[in-house]
Amino acid sequence: MSVVVITGSAGLIGSEATEFYANTGYKVVGIDNNMRETFFGTEGSTVWNKQRLMNELGKNYEHYNADIRDQEAVDQLFAKYKTDISLIIHTAAQPSHDWAVRDPYTDFGVNANGTLNLLEATRRHCPEAVFVFTSTNKVYGDRPNTLPLVEKESRWEVEAGHPFEHGISEEMSVDQSMHSLFGASKLAADVLVQEYGKYFDMKTVCFRGGVLSGAKQSGVQLHGFTNYLVKCVMTGAPYTIFGYKGKQVRDVIHSSDVIAAFDAFFKRPLRGGQVYNLGGGPASNVSMLEAIRLTEEISGRKLDYQYVDTARAGDHQWYISDLTKFKSHYPEWKQQYDHIRLIIEGIVEENKHRWSVVI
């Protein structure tokens, strides 16, 4: 049986990928040691999701409580399955700007060194496997904030006629901008993934994600914008908007559409270290104010929030992904969740029992 190795298998994208490939007939080997709880406390724990996967997927899912920073453990796992491994989906990460400042060594160790361990294990034991890396739009640092922006009633927009008016392409420079330590560690990993593809002619790809969202995320204040916002609205927990008048814009893509993109590349991989921006794009994006109003409308509840005028360092004022490159390479890929409303409705519906909310 062909093996798919998935890191961060109990997280949002990891668990979506785990379910997809286990239900498609692959043996899924999941690596997840619940570091999210270390980063964000019990609220961020993914144990509930790991247990759900183990219960529902049975023998098609094998879980390893391993740390990707442990070079020997990673190598031993890959040595066990060798060329039976046909796909690696690497989603494990320290995902927060703010947390990275608290412990730069751990942030870089997980994001950069962990990625190097996985790439080297792939090269040694299954060099023909496809290696998918979940990168981030934060590799562009705060350069998107240099775009000419126009203030609208509820959002910021890029000035009409600008090349990035409808989305930021892979042509944006990653140099000479402030990335945050998190952005820097993810950029280091991103470049490593590209280099292994180019230098060793491996089938590697970086998907630079916008806001990756869905019902199975353990959203917290420092990571998981839409899921955490919906949770706060539904449970009555307080919420804080940081800067930009609450008009900062994000493009939001559902986790199942992310996996569909991964699978399109897996079925027809390109060598040489490919890079694609991947987010909701022009079809699915929202400002903070718009997201609050929409969630209140869908849930029938009001959000208790405060506004802080200081934006987070390096935070994007406007970011929408240009999906043109990926769609030109994989025209068969289509967004099923092509509007932010569909995503928020799904989060509300699938979590109301877990959050003990009656709607």
Protein backbone atom coordinates (compact mmCIF):
# COMPACT_ATOMS: atom_id res chain seq x y z
CA MET A 1 0.00 0.00 0.00
CA SER A 2 1.29 3.44 -0.95
CA VAL A 3 2.12 5.63 2.06
CA VAL A 4 1.40 9.31 2.60
CA VAL A 5 3.37 10.99 5.39
CA ILE A 6 1.63 14.02 6.92
CA THR A 7 3.24 16.26 9.53
CA GLY A 8 0.96 18.24 11.80
CA SER A 9 -1.64 15.57 11.08
CA ALA A 10 -4.00 16.67 13.88
CA GLY A 11 -4.01 20.33 12.80
CA LEU A 12 -6.41 21.95 10.37
CA ILE A 13 -4.72 21.23 7.03
CA GLY A 14 -3.00 18.09 8.29
CA SER A 15 -6.22 16.47 9.48
CA GLU A 16 -8.06 17.42 6.28
CA ALA A 17 -5.25 15.78 4.28
CA THR A 18 -5.22 12.76 6.58
CA GLU A 19 -8.93 12.12 6.09
CA PHE A 20 -8.74 12.68 2.36
CA TYR A 21 -5.90 10.26 1.69
CA ALA A 22 -6.95 7.62 4.22
CA ASN A 23 -10.41 7.56 2.65
CA THR A 24 -8.87 7.38 -0.83
CA GLY A 25 -7.09 4.13 0.01
CA TYR A 26 -3.65 5.27 1.10
CA LYS A 27 -1.96 4.35 4.35
CA VAL A 28 -1.45 7.64 6.17
CA VAL A 29 1.43 8.03 8.59
CA GLY A 30 0.76 11.05 10.77
CA ILE A 31 3.40 12.95 12.75
CA ASP A 32 2.02 15.26 15.44
CA ASN A 33 3.20 15.79 19.03
CA ASN A 34 0.59 18.46 19.90
CA MET A 35 3.12 21.31 19.96
CA ARG A 36 0.16 23.59 19.34
CA GLU A 37 -0.76 23.17 23.01
CA THR A 38 2.80 24.15 23.95
CA PHE A 39 2.47 27.26 21.81
CA PHE A 40 -1.07 28.33 22.73
CA GLY A 41 -2.15 26.45 25.87
CA THR A 42 -5.03 24.00 26.28
CA GLU A 43 -7.25 26.09 24.00
CA GLY A 44 -4.90 25.25 21.12
CA SER A 45 -4.65 21.53 21.84
CA THR A 46 -5.24 19.17 18.90
CA VAL A 47 -5.64 16.01 21.00
CA TRP A 48 -9.40 15.97 20.33
CA ASN A 49 -8.74 15.94 16.58
CA LYS A 50 -6.03 13.27 16.79
CA GLN A 51 -8.38 11.01 18.73
CA ARG A 52 -11.14 11.60 16.21
CA LEU A 53 -8.86 10.60 13.34
CA MET A 54 -7.69 7.45 15.10
CA ASN A 55 -11.26 6.43 15.91
CA GLU A 56 -12.68 7.12 12.46
CA LEU A 57 -9.85 5.98 10.18
CA GLY A 58 -8.72 2.81 11.95
CA LYS A 59 -5.94 0.84 10.29
CA ASN A 60 -5.57 3.35 7.45
CA TYR A 61 -4.06 5.83 9.91
CA GLU A 62 -0.91 5.32 11.97
CA HIS A 63 0.01 8.09 14.41
CA TYR A 64 3.52 8.98 15.59
CA ASN A 65 3.97 11.34 18.52
CA ALA A 66 7.29 12.51 17.09
CA ASP A 67 9.01 15.88 16.96
CA ILE A 68 10.19 16.94 13.51
CA ARG A 69 13.19 18.64 15.14
CA ASP A 70 14.45 15.16 16.10
CA GLN A 71 16.58 14.25 13.08
CA GLU A 72 17.08 10.63 14.15
CA ALA A 73 13.39 10.01 14.80
CA VAL A 74 12.41 11.48 11.43
CA ASP A 75 15.05 9.45 9.59
CA GLN A 76 14.01 6.21 11.31
CA LEU A 77 10.39 6.74 10.38
CA PHE A 78 11.23 7.35 6.71
CA ALA A 79 13.63 4.40 6.73
CA LYS A 80 10.77 2.18 7.89
CA TYR A 81 8.61 2.92 4.83
CA LYS A 82 11.28 3.90 2.28
CA THR A 83 10.05 4.00 -1.32
CA ASP A 84 6.53 3.04 -0.28
CA ILE A 85 6.23 6.74 0.57
CA SER A 86 4.74 8.49 -2.43
CA LEU A 87 3.75 11.81 -0.87
CA ILE A 88 4.86 13.99 2.03
CA ILE A 89 2.57 16.83 3.13
CA HIS A 90 4.41 19.04 5.59
CA THR A 91 2.03 21.23 7.61
CA ALA A 92 3.68 21.13 11.06
CA ALA A 93 4.83 24.59 12.15
CA GLN A 94 5.08 27.24 14.80
CA PRO A 95 2.53 29.56 13.15
CA SER A 96 2.46 32.80 15.16
CA HIS A 97 4.28 36.15 14.74
CA ASP A 98 3.89 36.98 18.41
CA TRP A 99 4.93 33.60 19.79
CA ALA A 100 8.12 33.52 17.72
CA VAL A 101 9.45 36.56 19.56
CA ARG A 102 9.14 34.73 22.88
CA ASP A 103 11.33 31.83 21.77
CA PRO A 104 13.18 32.35 18.46
CA TYR A 105 15.18 29.12 18.88
CA THR A 106 12.09 26.95 19.07
CA ASP A 107 10.40 28.87 16.25
CA PHE A 108 13.37 28.42 13.91
CA GLY A 109 13.96 24.86 15.09
CA VAL A 110 10.44 23.77 14.23
CA ASN A 111 9.93 25.78 11.05
CA ALA A 112 13.37 25.67 9.44
CA ASN A 113 15.36 22.79 10.97
CA GLY A 114 12.31 20.53 11.08
CA THR A 115 11.74 21.13 7.39
CA LEU A 116 15.39 20.37 6.62
CA ASN A 117 15.11 17.05 8.51
CA LEU A 118 12.09 16.06 6.44
CA LEU A 119 13.66 17.08 3.13
CA GLU A 120 16.85 15.16 3.85
CA ALA A 121 14.91 12.06 4.94
CA THR A 122 12.92 12.29 1.71
CA ARG A 123 16.08 12.60 -0.39
CA ARG A 124 17.70 9.62 1.36
CA HIS A 125 14.78 7.21 1.47
CA CYS A 126 12.13 8.17 -1.13
CA PRO A 127 13.60 10.72 -3.55
CA GLU A 128 10.82 10.22 -6.12
CA ALA A 129 8.10 11.13 -3.62
CA VAL A 130 6.23 14.42 -3.96
CA PHE A 131 7.05 16.90 -1.18
CA VAL A 132 4.35 19.49 -0.44
CA PHE A 133 5.24 22.31 1.93
CA THR A 134 2.59 24.52 3.54
CA SER A 135 4.37 27.87 3.36
CA THR A 136 2.84 31.27 4.10
CA ASN A 137 2.27 34.69 2.59
CA LYS A 138 4.39 36.01 5.46
CA VAL A 139 7.48 35.11 3.39
CA TYR A 140 6.79 38.43 1.62
CA GLY A 141 7.22 40.23 4.95
CA ASP A 142 5.46 43.57 5.22
CA ARG A 143 6.10 44.45 1.56
CA PRO A 144 2.35 44.19 0.78
CA ASN A 145 1.92 47.22 3.06
CA THR A 146 3.86 49.33 0.55
CA LEU A 147 1.08 48.92 -2.02
CA PRO A 148 -0.99 52.05 -2.75
CA LEU A 149 -4.11 51.51 -0.66
CA VAL A 150 -7.44 53.32 -0.77
CA GLU A 151 -9.69 53.44 2.29
CA LYS A 152 -13.27 52.31 1.71
CA GLU A 153 -16.21 52.21 4.12
CA SER A 154 -15.39 48.78 5.55
CA ARG A 155 -12.05 47.79 4.01
CA TRP A 156 -8.81 48.81 2.36
CA GLU A 157 -8.39 48.20 -1.37
CA VAL A 158 -5.42 48.44 -3.72
CA GLU A 159 -5.55 51.45 -6.01
CA ALA A 160 -7.33 50.72 -9.29
CA GLY A 161 -4.99 49.94 -12.16
CA HIS A 162 -2.14 48.62 -10.01
CA PRO A 163 -0.69 45.26 -11.19
CA PHE A 164 -1.71 43.68 -7.86
CA GLU A 165 -5.20 45.20 -7.81
CA HIS A 166 -6.83 41.77 -7.92
CA GLY A 167 -4.18 39.84 -5.99
CA ILE A 168 -0.50 39.50 -5.15
CA SER A 169 1.48 37.20 -7.42
CA GLU A 170 4.63 35.19 -6.84
CA GLU A 171 6.53 38.04 -8.50
CA MET A 172 6.47 40.07 -5.28
CA SER A 173 9.96 40.28 -3.78
CA VAL A 174 10.75 38.54 -0.50
CA ASP A 175 13.78 40.81 0.08
CA GLN A 176 14.30 44.01 2.09
CA SER A 177 11.16 43.88 4.19
CA MET A 178 10.30 43.10 7.81
CA HIS A 179 9.10 39.52 8.05
CA SER A 180 8.78 38.96 11.80
CA LEU A 181 10.86 36.10 13.19
CA PHE A 182 8.07 33.69 12.22
CA GLY A 183 8.12 34.97 8.64
CA ALA A 184 11.90 34.62 8.53
CA SER A 185 11.87 31.01 9.75
CA LYS A 186 9.15 30.09 7.27
CA LEU A 187 11.06 31.83 4.47
CA ALA A 188 14.16 29.80 5.36
CA ALA A 189 12.09 26.63 5.06
CA ASP A 190 10.47 27.84 1.84
CA VAL A 191 13.87 28.44 0.23
CA LEU A 192 15.10 25.01 1.42
CA VAL A 193 12.13 23.31 -0.21
CA GLN A 194 12.81 25.17 -3.44
CA GLU A 195 16.51 24.32 -3.28
CA TYR A 196 15.97 20.59 -2.80
CA GLY A 197 13.72 20.69 -5.84
CA LYS A 198 16.25 22.56 -7.94
CA TYR A 199 19.57 21.16 -6.69
CA PHE A 200 18.46 17.52 -6.31
CA ASP A 201 15.78 17.59 -9.04
CA MET A 202 13.07 16.56 -6.58
CA LYS A 203 9.32 17.08 -6.89
CA THR A 204 8.95 19.77 -4.24
CA VAL A 205 6.41 22.58 -4.01
CA CYS A 206 5.74 25.54 -1.71
CA PHE A 207 2.16 26.71 -1.32
CA ARG A 208 2.27 30.20 0.16
CA GLY A 209 -1.02 30.27 1.98
CA GLY A 210 -3.31 33.15 2.80
CA VAL A 211 -5.75 32.46 5.64
CA LEU A 212 -6.30 28.70 5.70
CA SER A 213 -9.58 28.06 7.42
CA GLY A 214 -12.16 25.44 8.28
CA ALA A 215 -14.17 23.86 11.06
CA LYS A 216 -11.44 21.56 12.40
CA GLN A 217 -9.00 24.26 13.45
CA SER A 218 -8.20 24.91 17.11
CA GLY A 219 -8.22 28.66 16.59
CA VAL A 220 -6.60 30.96 19.17
CA GLN A 221 -5.94 34.69 19.39
CA LEU A 222 -2.44 34.34 17.98
CA HIS A 223 -3.39 32.06 15.09
CA GLY A 224 -6.52 31.00 13.22
CA PHE A 225 -8.30 34.28 12.46
CA THR A 226 -11.69 33.11 11.17
CA ASN A 227 -12.09 30.09 13.44
CA TYR A 228 -11.15 32.08 16.53
CA LEU A 229 -13.44 34.97 15.57
CA VAL A 230 -16.40 32.63 15.11
CA LYS A 231 -15.63 30.92 18.41
CA CYS A 232 -15.60 34.26 20.23
CA VAL A 233 -18.91 35.31 18.68
CA MET A 234 -20.57 32.00 19.53
CA THR A 235 -19.24 31.67 23.08
CA GLY A 236 -19.32 35.31 24.14
CA ALA A 237 -15.56 35.49 24.65
CA PRO A 238 -13.97 38.96 24.21
CA TYR A 239 -12.12 39.73 20.97
CA THR A 240 -9.49 42.35 20.11
CA ILE A 241 -8.98 44.07 16.76
CA PHE A 242 -5.39 45.24 16.27
CA GLY A 243 -5.00 48.36 14.15
CA TYR A 244 -5.85 49.46 10.61
CA LYS A 245 -9.35 50.58 11.80
CA GLY A 246 -10.46 46.96 11.54
CA LYS A 247 -10.44 47.33 7.76
CA GLN A 248 -7.47 45.01 7.12
CA VAL A 249 -8.28 42.53 4.35
CA ARG A 250 -7.48 38.81 4.21
CA ASP A 251 -8.28 36.20 1.61
CA VAL A 252 -9.65 33.03 3.15
CA ILE A 253 -9.51 29.54 1.65
CA HIS A 254 -11.22 26.43 2.99
CA SER A 255 -9.01 23.53 4.04
CA SER A 256 -10.69 21.13 1.60
CA ASP A 257 -9.82 23.44 -1.31
CA VAL A 258 -6.23 23.52 -0.04
CA ILE A 259 -6.07 19.71 -0.10
CA ALA A 260 -7.58 19.66 -3.58
CA ALA A 261 -4.72 21.91 -4.72
CA PHE A 262 -2.17 19.65 -3.03
CA ASP A 263 -3.70 16.61 -4.72
CA ALA A 264 -3.70 18.25 -8.14
CA PHE A 265 0.05 18.78 -7.81
CA PHE A 266 0.54 15.23 -6.47
CA LYS A 267 -1.23 13.70 -9.46
CA ARG A 268 0.80 15.73 -11.94
CA PRO A 269 3.91 16.98 -10.15
CA LEU A 270 6.48 19.34 -11.58
CA ARG A 271 10.13 19.19 -10.62
CA GLY A 272 12.44 22.04 -9.76
CA GLY A 273 10.97 23.54 -6.59
CA GLN A 274 7.67 25.07 -7.62
CA VAL A 275 6.08 28.03 -5.78
CA TYR A 276 2.41 29.01 -5.77
CA ASN A 277 0.39 31.59 -3.87
CA LEU A 278 -2.73 29.92 -2.51
CA GLY A 279 -5.63 31.66 -0.80
CA GLY A 280 -9.24 32.63 -1.28
CA GLY A 281 -8.22 35.05 -4.01
CA PRO A 282 -10.64 37.63 -5.43
CA ALA A 283 -13.60 35.29 -4.79
CA SER A 284 -13.19 34.79 -1.04
CA ASN A 285 -11.78 37.65 0.99
CA VAL A 286 -12.98 39.79 3.86
CA SER A 287 -12.00 42.64 6.15
CA MET A 288 -12.08 42.29 9.92
CA LEU A 289 -15.16 44.50 10.21
CA GLU A 290 -16.91 42.59 7.43
CA ALA A 291 -16.05 39.24 9.03
CA ILE A 292 -17.50 40.36 12.36
CA ARG A 293 -20.75 41.54 10.78
CA LEU A 294 -21.08 38.38 8.71
CA THR A 295 -20.44 36.07 11.65
CA GLU A 296 -22.94 37.97 13.81
CA GLU A 297 -25.52 37.66 11.06
CA ILE A 298 -24.97 33.93 10.56
CA SER A 299 -24.87 33.04 14.26
CA GLY A 300 -27.47 35.47 15.51
CA ARG A 301 -25.08 36.61 18.25
CA LYS A 302 -23.11 39.77 18.94
CA LEU A 303 -19.36 39.97 19.39
CA ASP A 304 -17.87 41.56 22.49
CA TYR A 305 -14.81 43.29 21.05
CA GLN A 306 -12.38 46.12 21.67
CA TYR A 307 -10.17 48.03 19.26
CA VAL A 308 -6.44 48.66 19.80
CA ASP A 309 -4.99 51.27 17.46
CA THR A 310 -1.54 49.66 17.25
CA ALA A 311 -1.26 47.00 14.55
CA ARG A 312 0.90 43.94 15.10
CA ALA A 313 4.45 44.38 13.77
CA GLY A 314 4.68 43.15 10.19
CA ASP A 315 0.96 42.44 9.95
CA HIS A 316 -0.56 42.84 6.50
CA GLN A 317 -2.98 45.69 5.91
CA TRP A 318 -4.24 44.07 2.69
CA TYR A 319 -3.45 40.67 1.27
CA ILE A 320 -5.28 38.81 -1.49
CA SER A 321 -3.60 35.97 -3.39
CA ASP A 322 -3.29 35.99 -7.16
CA LEU A 323 -4.13 32.39 -8.12
CA THR A 324 -3.33 32.81 -11.82
CA LYS A 325 -0.09 30.80 -11.84
CA PHE A 326 -1.51 27.74 -10.08
CA LYS A 327 -4.72 27.79 -12.13
CA SER A 328 -2.70 28.02 -15.35
CA HIS A 329 -0.70 24.92 -14.35
CA TYR A 330 -3.70 23.05 -12.91
CA PRO A 331 -6.88 24.31 -14.62
CA GLU A 332 -8.83 21.36 -13.26
CA TRP A 333 -8.65 22.84 -9.73
CA LYS A 334 -11.74 24.78 -8.69
CA GLN A 335 -12.66 26.36 -5.36
CA GLN A 336 -15.70 24.67 -3.89
CA TYR A 337 -15.88 27.25 -1.08
CA ASP A 338 -15.77 30.29 -3.32
CA HIS A 339 -17.20 32.77 -0.83
CA ILE A 340 -16.22 33.58 2.74
CA ARG A 341 -19.86 33.16 3.84
CA LEU A 342 -19.76 29.45 3.02
CA ILE A 343 -16.64 29.01 5.15
CA ILE A 344 -18.05 30.82 8.17
CA GLU A 345 -21.37 28.96 7.92
CA GLY A 346 -19.46 25.68 7.99
CA ILE A 347 -17.43 26.68 11.06
CA VAL A 348 -20.63 27.66 12.90
CA GLU A 349 -22.52 24.51 11.99
CA GLU A 350 -19.76 22.00 12.67
CA ASN A 351 -18.64 23.50 15.99
CA LYS A 352 -21.84 24.49 17.74
CA HIS A 353 -21.97 21.19 19.65
CA ARG A 354 -18.24 21.22 20.53
CA TRP A 355 -18.61 24.75 21.83
CA SER A 356 -21.91 23.85 23.57
CA VAL A 357 -23.86 26.57 21.79
CA VAL A 358 -27.55 26.37 20.90
CA ILE A 359 -28.53 28.29 17.77
